[in-house]
Protein backbone atom coordinates (compact mmCIF):
# COMPACT_ATOMS: atom_id res chain seq x y z
CA UNK A 1 28.40 46.00 34.06
CA UNK A 2 26.62 42.26 33.32
CA UNK A 3 23.66 42.96 31.55
CA UNK A 4 21.08 39.71 32.37
CA UNK A 5 20.31 37.69 28.78
CA UNK A 6 16.44 37.50 29.96
CA UNK A 7 15.16 40.76 31.24
CA UNK A 8 18.75 43.12 29.89
CA UNK A 9 18.91 44.87 33.38
CA UNK A 10 22.18 45.87 34.00
CA UNK A 11 23.24 44.32 37.72
CA UNK A 12 26.75 43.87 39.67
CA UNK A 13 28.28 40.60 38.58
CA UNK A 14 28.29 39.54 42.27
CA UNK A 15 24.19 39.77 42.29
CA UNK A 16 24.07 37.18 38.81
CA UNK A 17 23.87 33.91 38.61
CA UNK A 18 25.68 31.40 35.63
CA UNK A 19 28.98 32.36 33.68
CA UNK A 20 29.36 34.00 30.82
CA UNK A 21 27.79 35.04 28.27
CA UNK A 22 25.02 33.58 30.46
CA UNK A 23 24.21 35.68 32.95
CA UNK A 24 21.23 35.95 34.78
CA UNK A 25 19.93 38.31 37.75
CA UNK A 26 18.38 36.99 40.60
CA UNK A 27 14.87 37.57 39.36
CA UNK A 28 15.52 36.15 36.22
CA UNK A 29 17.88 32.46 37.41
CA UNK A 30 14.74 31.82 39.68
CA UNK A 31 12.04 31.60 37.43
CA UNK A 32 10.63 27.73 37.18
CA UNK A 33 11.13 26.49 33.00
CA UNK A 34 9.43 24.22 32.08
CA UNK A 35 10.91 21.49 29.94
CA UNK A 36 8.96 19.63 27.24
CA UNK A 37 10.21 16.03 26.25
CA UNK A 38 7.75 13.42 24.07
CA UNK A 39 5.61 11.27 26.08
CA UNK A 40 6.91 7.74 27.18
CA UNK A 41 2.89 6.66 26.62
CA UNK A 42 1.71 8.94 22.80
CA UNK A 43 -0.99 9.16 22.23
CA UNK A 44 -2.64 7.19 19.54
CA UNK A 45 -5.98 8.21 18.17
CA UNK A 46 -7.68 4.49 16.48
CA UNK A 47 -10.74 4.87 14.93
CA UNK A 48 -11.43 1.46 13.56
CA UNK A 49 -14.94 2.19 11.32
CA UNK A 50 -13.50 1.28 7.79
CA UNK A 51 -11.27 -0.90 8.88
CA UNK A 52 -13.77 -2.90 10.25
CA UNK A 53 -16.61 -2.41 7.67
CA UNK A 54 -13.60 -3.69 4.65
CA UNK A 55 -12.68 -6.69 7.20
CA UNK A 56 -16.72 -7.65 6.66
CA UNK A 57 -16.63 -7.02 2.98
CA UNK A 58 -13.60 -9.48 3.01
CA UNK A 59 -15.08 -12.14 5.47
CA UNK A 60 -18.29 -12.23 3.38
CA UNK A 61 -17.12 -12.75 0.05
CA UNK A 62 -14.45 -15.22 1.32
CA UNK A 63 -17.93 -17.20 2.55
CA UNK A 64 -19.24 -16.25 -1.31
CA UNK A 65 -16.53 -16.66 -3.35
CA UNK A 66 -18.25 -19.93 -4.85
CA UNK A 67 -21.47 -18.65 -5.18
CA UNK A 68 -22.93 -18.97 -8.52
CA UNK A 69 -23.48 -15.61 -9.92
CA UNK A 70 -26.82 -16.87 -11.35
CA UNK A 71 -28.29 -16.79 -7.71
CA UNK A 72 -28.16 -12.68 -7.64
CA UNK A 73 -28.83 -12.03 -11.63
CA UNK A 74 -30.33 -14.76 -13.57
CA UNK A 75 -28.74 -14.14 -16.81
CA UNK A 76 -25.12 -13.69 -14.70
CA UNK A 77 -22.36 -16.63 -15.43
CA UNK A 78 -19.93 -17.65 -12.93
CA UNK A 79 -19.15 -17.89 -9.30
CA UNK A 80 -18.29 -14.68 -6.99
CA UNK A 81 -14.76 -14.85 -7.11
CA UNK A 82 -14.54 -15.28 -10.98
CA UNK A 83 -16.71 -12.35 -11.60
CA UNK A 84 -14.04 -10.18 -8.86
CA UNK A 85 -10.90 -11.89 -9.30
CA UNK A 86 -8.15 -10.02 -10.47
CA UNK A 87 -7.42 -12.08 -13.96
CA UNK A 88 -5.64 -10.69 -16.68
CA UNK A 89 -7.33 -11.09 -20.14
CA UNK A 90 -10.38 -9.71 -18.24
CA UNK A 91 -8.78 -6.62 -16.77
CA UNK A 92 -7.16 -6.37 -20.44
CA UNK A 93 -10.62 -6.05 -21.50
CA UNK A 94 -12.12 -3.24 -19.75
CA UNK A 95 -12.44 -4.29 -15.94
CA UNK A 96 -10.78 -2.76 -14.10
CA UNK A 97 -12.53 -2.94 -10.44
CA UNK A 98 -10.99 -6.23 -10.52
CA UNK A 99 -7.80 -4.59 -9.12
CA UNK A 100 -9.24 -3.33 -5.93
CA UNK A 101 -12.20 -6.47 -5.42
CA UNK A 102 -9.37 -8.90 -5.24
CA UNK A 103 -8.11 -7.19 -2.73
CA UNK A 104 -10.73 -8.86 -0.70
CA UNK A 105 -10.50 -12.30 -1.85
CA UNK A 106 -8.83 -15.09 0.17
CA UNK A 107 -7.69 -18.01 -0.32
CA UNK A 108 -8.30 -20.06 2.31
CA UNK A 109 -8.90 -19.44 6.19
CA UNK A 110 -5.92 -19.05 7.21
CA UNK A 111 -4.70 -16.52 4.31
CA UNK A 112 -7.97 -14.91 5.50
CA UNK A 113 -7.30 -14.92 9.23
CA UNK A 114 -3.57 -13.43 8.88
CA UNK A 115 -4.50 -10.79 6.72
CA UNK A 116 -7.29 -9.74 9.12
CA UNK A 117 -5.64 -9.46 12.22
CA UNK A 118 -2.41 -8.03 10.69
CA UNK A 119 -5.14 -5.01 9.01
CA UNK A 120 -6.69 -4.83 12.50
CA UNK A 121 -3.36 -3.70 14.42
CA UNK A 122 -2.54 -1.30 11.82
CA UNK A 123 -5.35 0.10 10.62
CA UNK A 124 -7.28 1.82 13.68
CA UNK A 125 -4.24 3.32 13.98
CA UNK A 126 -3.66 4.39 10.70
CA UNK A 127 -7.94 5.74 9.99
CA UNK A 128 -7.14 7.65 13.09
CA UNK A 129 -4.59 9.18 12.00
CA UNK A 130 -5.79 10.14 8.46
CA UNK A 131 -9.48 10.40 8.75
CA UNK A 132 -11.89 8.04 7.39
CA UNK A 133 -12.09 9.17 3.70
CA UNK A 134 -8.37 9.61 3.09
CA UNK A 135 -7.56 6.48 4.30
CA UNK A 136 -9.83 4.59 2.42
CA UNK A 137 -8.50 6.16 -0.45
CA UNK A 138 -5.40 5.35 0.83
CA UNK A 139 -6.17 1.72 0.89
CA UNK A 140 -8.22 1.01 -2.51
CA UNK A 141 -5.37 3.40 -4.36
CA UNK A 142 -1.99 1.11 -2.56
CA UNK A 143 -4.45 -2.49 -2.92
CA UNK A 144 -5.44 -1.98 -6.82
CA UNK A 145 -1.22 -0.36 -7.16
CA UNK A 146 0.16 -3.75 -5.71
CA UNK A 147 -2.50 -6.10 -7.32
CA UNK A 148 -1.40 -4.23 -10.48
CA UNK A 149 1.86 -4.31 -9.79
CA UNK A 150 1.69 -8.24 -10.16
CA UNK A 151 -0.35 -8.30 -12.97
CA UNK A 152 1.95 -6.37 -14.49
CA UNK A 153 4.99 -7.69 -14.20
CA UNK A 154 4.59 -11.57 -14.10
CA UNK A 155 0.69 -11.45 -15.22
CA UNK A 156 -0.61 -13.74 -12.42
CA UNK A 157 -3.92 -13.59 -10.58
CA UNK A 158 -3.89 -12.46 -6.91
CA UNK A 159 -5.63 -11.95 -4.01
CA UNK A 160 -5.52 -10.81 -0.87
CA UNK A 161 -5.54 -8.41 1.75
CA UNK A 162 -1.39 -8.10 2.33
CA UNK A 163 -0.64 -5.30 -0.41
CA UNK A 164 -2.29 -2.80 1.50
CA UNK A 165 -1.21 -4.48 5.01
CA UNK A 166 2.60 -3.81 3.93
CA UNK A 167 1.73 -0.49 2.77
CA UNK A 168 0.18 0.23 5.80
CA UNK A 169 3.82 -0.96 7.52
CA UNK A 170 5.62 1.54 4.68
CA UNK A 171 3.14 4.32 5.78
CA UNK A 172 4.42 4.13 9.82
CA UNK A 173 7.78 3.05 8.80
CA UNK A 174 8.32 6.29 7.24
CA UNK A 175 6.73 8.48 10.25
CA UNK A 176 8.38 6.03 13.26
CA UNK A 177 11.17 9.16 13.77
CA UNK A 178 8.54 11.76 13.16
CA UNK A 179 5.33 10.73 15.56
CA UNK A 180 5.02 9.42 18.21
CA UNK A 181 2.20 7.17 17.49
CA UNK A 182 4.19 5.24 14.79
CA UNK A 183 7.27 4.81 16.69
CA UNK A 184 4.99 2.76 19.59
CA UNK A 185 3.11 0.74 16.60
CA UNK A 186 6.77 -0.51 15.08
CA UNK A 187 8.57 -1.66 18.20
CA UNK A 188 11.31 -3.37 16.91
CA UNK A 189 9.50 -6.84 17.23
CA UNK A 190 6.78 -5.83 15.33
CA UNK A 191 9.56 -4.73 12.73
CA UNK A 192 11.19 -7.74 12.05
CA UNK A 193 7.87 -9.67 11.92
CA UNK A 194 7.06 -8.09 8.73
CA UNK A 195 10.23 -8.67 7.55
CA UNK A 196 10.94 -11.89 8.46
CA UNK A 197 6.96 -12.73 6.68
CA UNK A 198 8.31 -10.29 3.60
CA UNK A 199 11.63 -12.80 3.34
CA UNK A 200 9.71 -16.03 4.15
CA UNK A 201 7.40 -14.84 1.43
CA UNK A 202 9.60 -14.17 -1.11
CA UNK A 203 11.34 -17.78 0.17
CA UNK A 204 8.35 -19.99 -0.37
CA UNK A 205 7.72 -18.83 -4.08
CA UNK A 206 11.00 -19.73 -5.38
CA UNK A 207 11.05 -22.66 -4.15
CA UNK A 208 7.86 -23.85 -5.52
CA UNK A 209 6.08 -24.25 -1.91
CA UNK A 210 3.38 -22.04 -1.73
CA UNK A 211 2.64 -19.27 -4.69
CA UNK A 212 2.78 -15.56 -3.39
CA UNK A 213 2.25 -12.23 -4.10
CA UNK A 214 5.78 -10.74 -3.64
CA UNK A 215 5.68 -7.77 -6.20
CA UNK A 216 2.03 -6.95 -4.48
CA UNK A 217 4.39 -7.09 -1.26
CA UNK A 218 7.17 -5.20 -2.78
CA UNK A 219 5.15 -2.23 -4.78
CA UNK A 220 2.29 -1.98 -1.53
CA UNK A 221 5.81 -1.21 0.83
CA UNK A 222 6.91 0.79 -1.37
CA UNK A 223 4.03 3.28 -1.85
CA UNK A 224 3.17 3.54 1.26
CA UNK A 225 6.54 4.23 2.76
CA UNK A 226 5.90 7.18 -0.49
CA UNK A 227 3.62 8.06 1.22
CA UNK A 228 4.36 8.19 4.84
CA UNK A 229 7.40 10.47 3.43
CA UNK A 230 5.70 12.72 1.30
CA UNK A 231 3.71 13.39 4.68
CA UNK A 232 6.85 14.67 6.31
CA UNK A 233 8.45 16.49 3.23
CA UNK A 234 8.36 19.78 2.84
CA UNK A 235 7.11 20.16 -0.02
CA UNK A 236 4.27 18.03 1.50
CA UNK A 237 1.60 18.33 -1.59
CA UNK A 238 3.90 17.32 -4.05
CA UNK A 239 5.00 14.94 -2.86
CA UNK A 240 1.95 12.61 -1.95
CA UNK A 241 0.76 13.78 -5.24
CA UNK A 242 3.99 12.32 -7.15
CA UNK A 243 3.23 8.49 -5.45
CA UNK A 244 -0.77 9.20 -6.03
CA UNK A 245 0.79 9.83 -9.46
CA UNK A 246 2.99 6.65 -9.21
CA UNK A 247 0.27 4.36 -7.80
CA UNK A 248 -1.79 5.27 -10.83
CA UNK A 249 0.74 4.51 -13.25
CA UNK A 250 0.78 1.15 -11.85
CA UNK A 251 -2.47 0.73 -12.57
CA UNK A 252 -1.59 1.96 -16.06
CA UNK A 253 0.77 -0.64 -16.83
CA UNK A 254 -1.87 -3.18 -15.79
CA UNK A 255 -3.96 -2.54 -18.24
CA UNK A 256 -1.51 -1.53 -21.34
CA UNK A 257 1.41 -3.72 -21.35
CA UNK A 258 3.05 -5.27 -24.70
CA UNK A 259 5.84 -6.37 -22.98
CA UNK A 260 3.93 -9.08 -22.43
CA UNK A 261 2.86 -12.11 -25.21
CA UNK A 262 -0.43 -13.25 -23.32
CA UNK A 263 -1.28 -8.96 -23.59
CA UNK A 264 -0.42 -8.93 -26.98
CA UNK A 265 -2.19 -12.69 -28.39
CA UNK A 266 -5.14 -10.90 -26.59
CA UNK A 267 -4.95 -7.66 -28.75
CA UNK A 268 -4.22 -9.40 -32.03
CA UNK A 269 -7.55 -11.68 -31.10
CA UNK A 270 -9.35 -8.73 -30.44
CA UNK A 271 -8.32 -7.25 -33.89
CA UNK A 272 -8.99 -10.14 -35.65
CA UNK A 273 -12.50 -9.95 -34.35
CA UNK A 274 -12.62 -6.03 -35.23
CA UNK A 275 -11.19 -7.12 -39.03
CA UNK A 276 -8.28 -5.71 -38.80
CA UNK A 277 -5.72 -8.25 -40.19
CA UNK A 278 -2.76 -5.59 -40.23
CA UNK A 279 -3.71 -4.94 -35.68
CA UNK A 280 -3.51 -8.63 -35.66
CA UNK A 281 -0.17 -8.91 -37.97
CA UNK A 282 1.56 -6.39 -35.60
CA UNK A 283 -0.01 -7.44 -32.45
CA UNK A 284 1.36 -11.27 -33.35
CA UNK A 285 5.06 -9.66 -33.99
CA UNK A 286 4.87 -8.24 -30.72
CA UNK A 287 3.97 -11.14 -29.32
CA UNK A 288 7.04 -13.26 -30.32
CA UNK A 289 9.39 -10.51 -29.60
CA UNK A 290 7.61 -9.30 -25.94
CA UNK A 291 9.76 -9.65 -22.26
CA UNK A 292 7.71 -12.04 -20.75
CA UNK A 293 6.20 -15.11 -22.41
CA UNK A 294 3.39 -16.55 -22.95
CA UNK A 295 1.05 -18.25 -19.90
CA UNK A 296 -1.93 -17.69 -20.09
CA UNK A 297 -2.60 -18.68 -24.17
CA UNK A 298 -0.47 -20.38 -26.30
CA UNK A 299 1.28 -18.89 -29.47
CA UNK A 300 0.30 -21.87 -31.52
CA UNK A 301 -3.18 -21.84 -30.85
CA UNK A 302 -3.76 -18.42 -31.30
CA UNK A 303 -5.77 -17.57 -34.36
């Protein structure tokens, strides 16, 4: 006699249901079975505590960016903006914090408004997904790496939260086919909007209409996607460690960039101040062979 595929009991064929090889006895065939399917409205955990704090910092720095530092510290010089922006010579001089603080500076109200709205739409979802501590680490790491990319490639001063926002988008984009909350956040309209803004910024820069940190956007997007890919990978710890290493590598590239003529002239001046004539000659020779021409310093006026 045939055997029921569930209870393994021999049962006459005329008392069984189904077709070979999926035959079941009357008792097993009558069991209620639950079909599991994704929820049409996935549960999205949101926590905007850190996101709200970061946006408040950005708003306060926007209001205070031209305030003289002497009002806070009597011996300080310059403004808040000048002290926090990612000016390449200052970074080469060891002021690495500028790679992070520059993310929270903005050139105008519209700049702050668009970045703030985008971060508020995506940030609380990622904060709820990652947890506050990991989310803060993700934001600072991606933000610093995106600013560092712009410095390393173009020796340009870049400001704004947009590199972080594109990093958030890249993270969610990597998760959208495996995590319901990411798919719910990235509707086709949202994806199209980010693609449109990315291409529009490139067009504005290429036409000379408006200088935009496109390298910061691109690196933030790529690193965010890499972190999201790492979360889904079997070797999750290894892939996330690789993403962190790549982010820190971009930081280091902004600190030491001998392919840039400005950096070479800066190091030559430092060597001259230290009385190192050979170092001065070597760095000046490198400045003439550098791939990226000087922007901050005039080689003809170098010491």
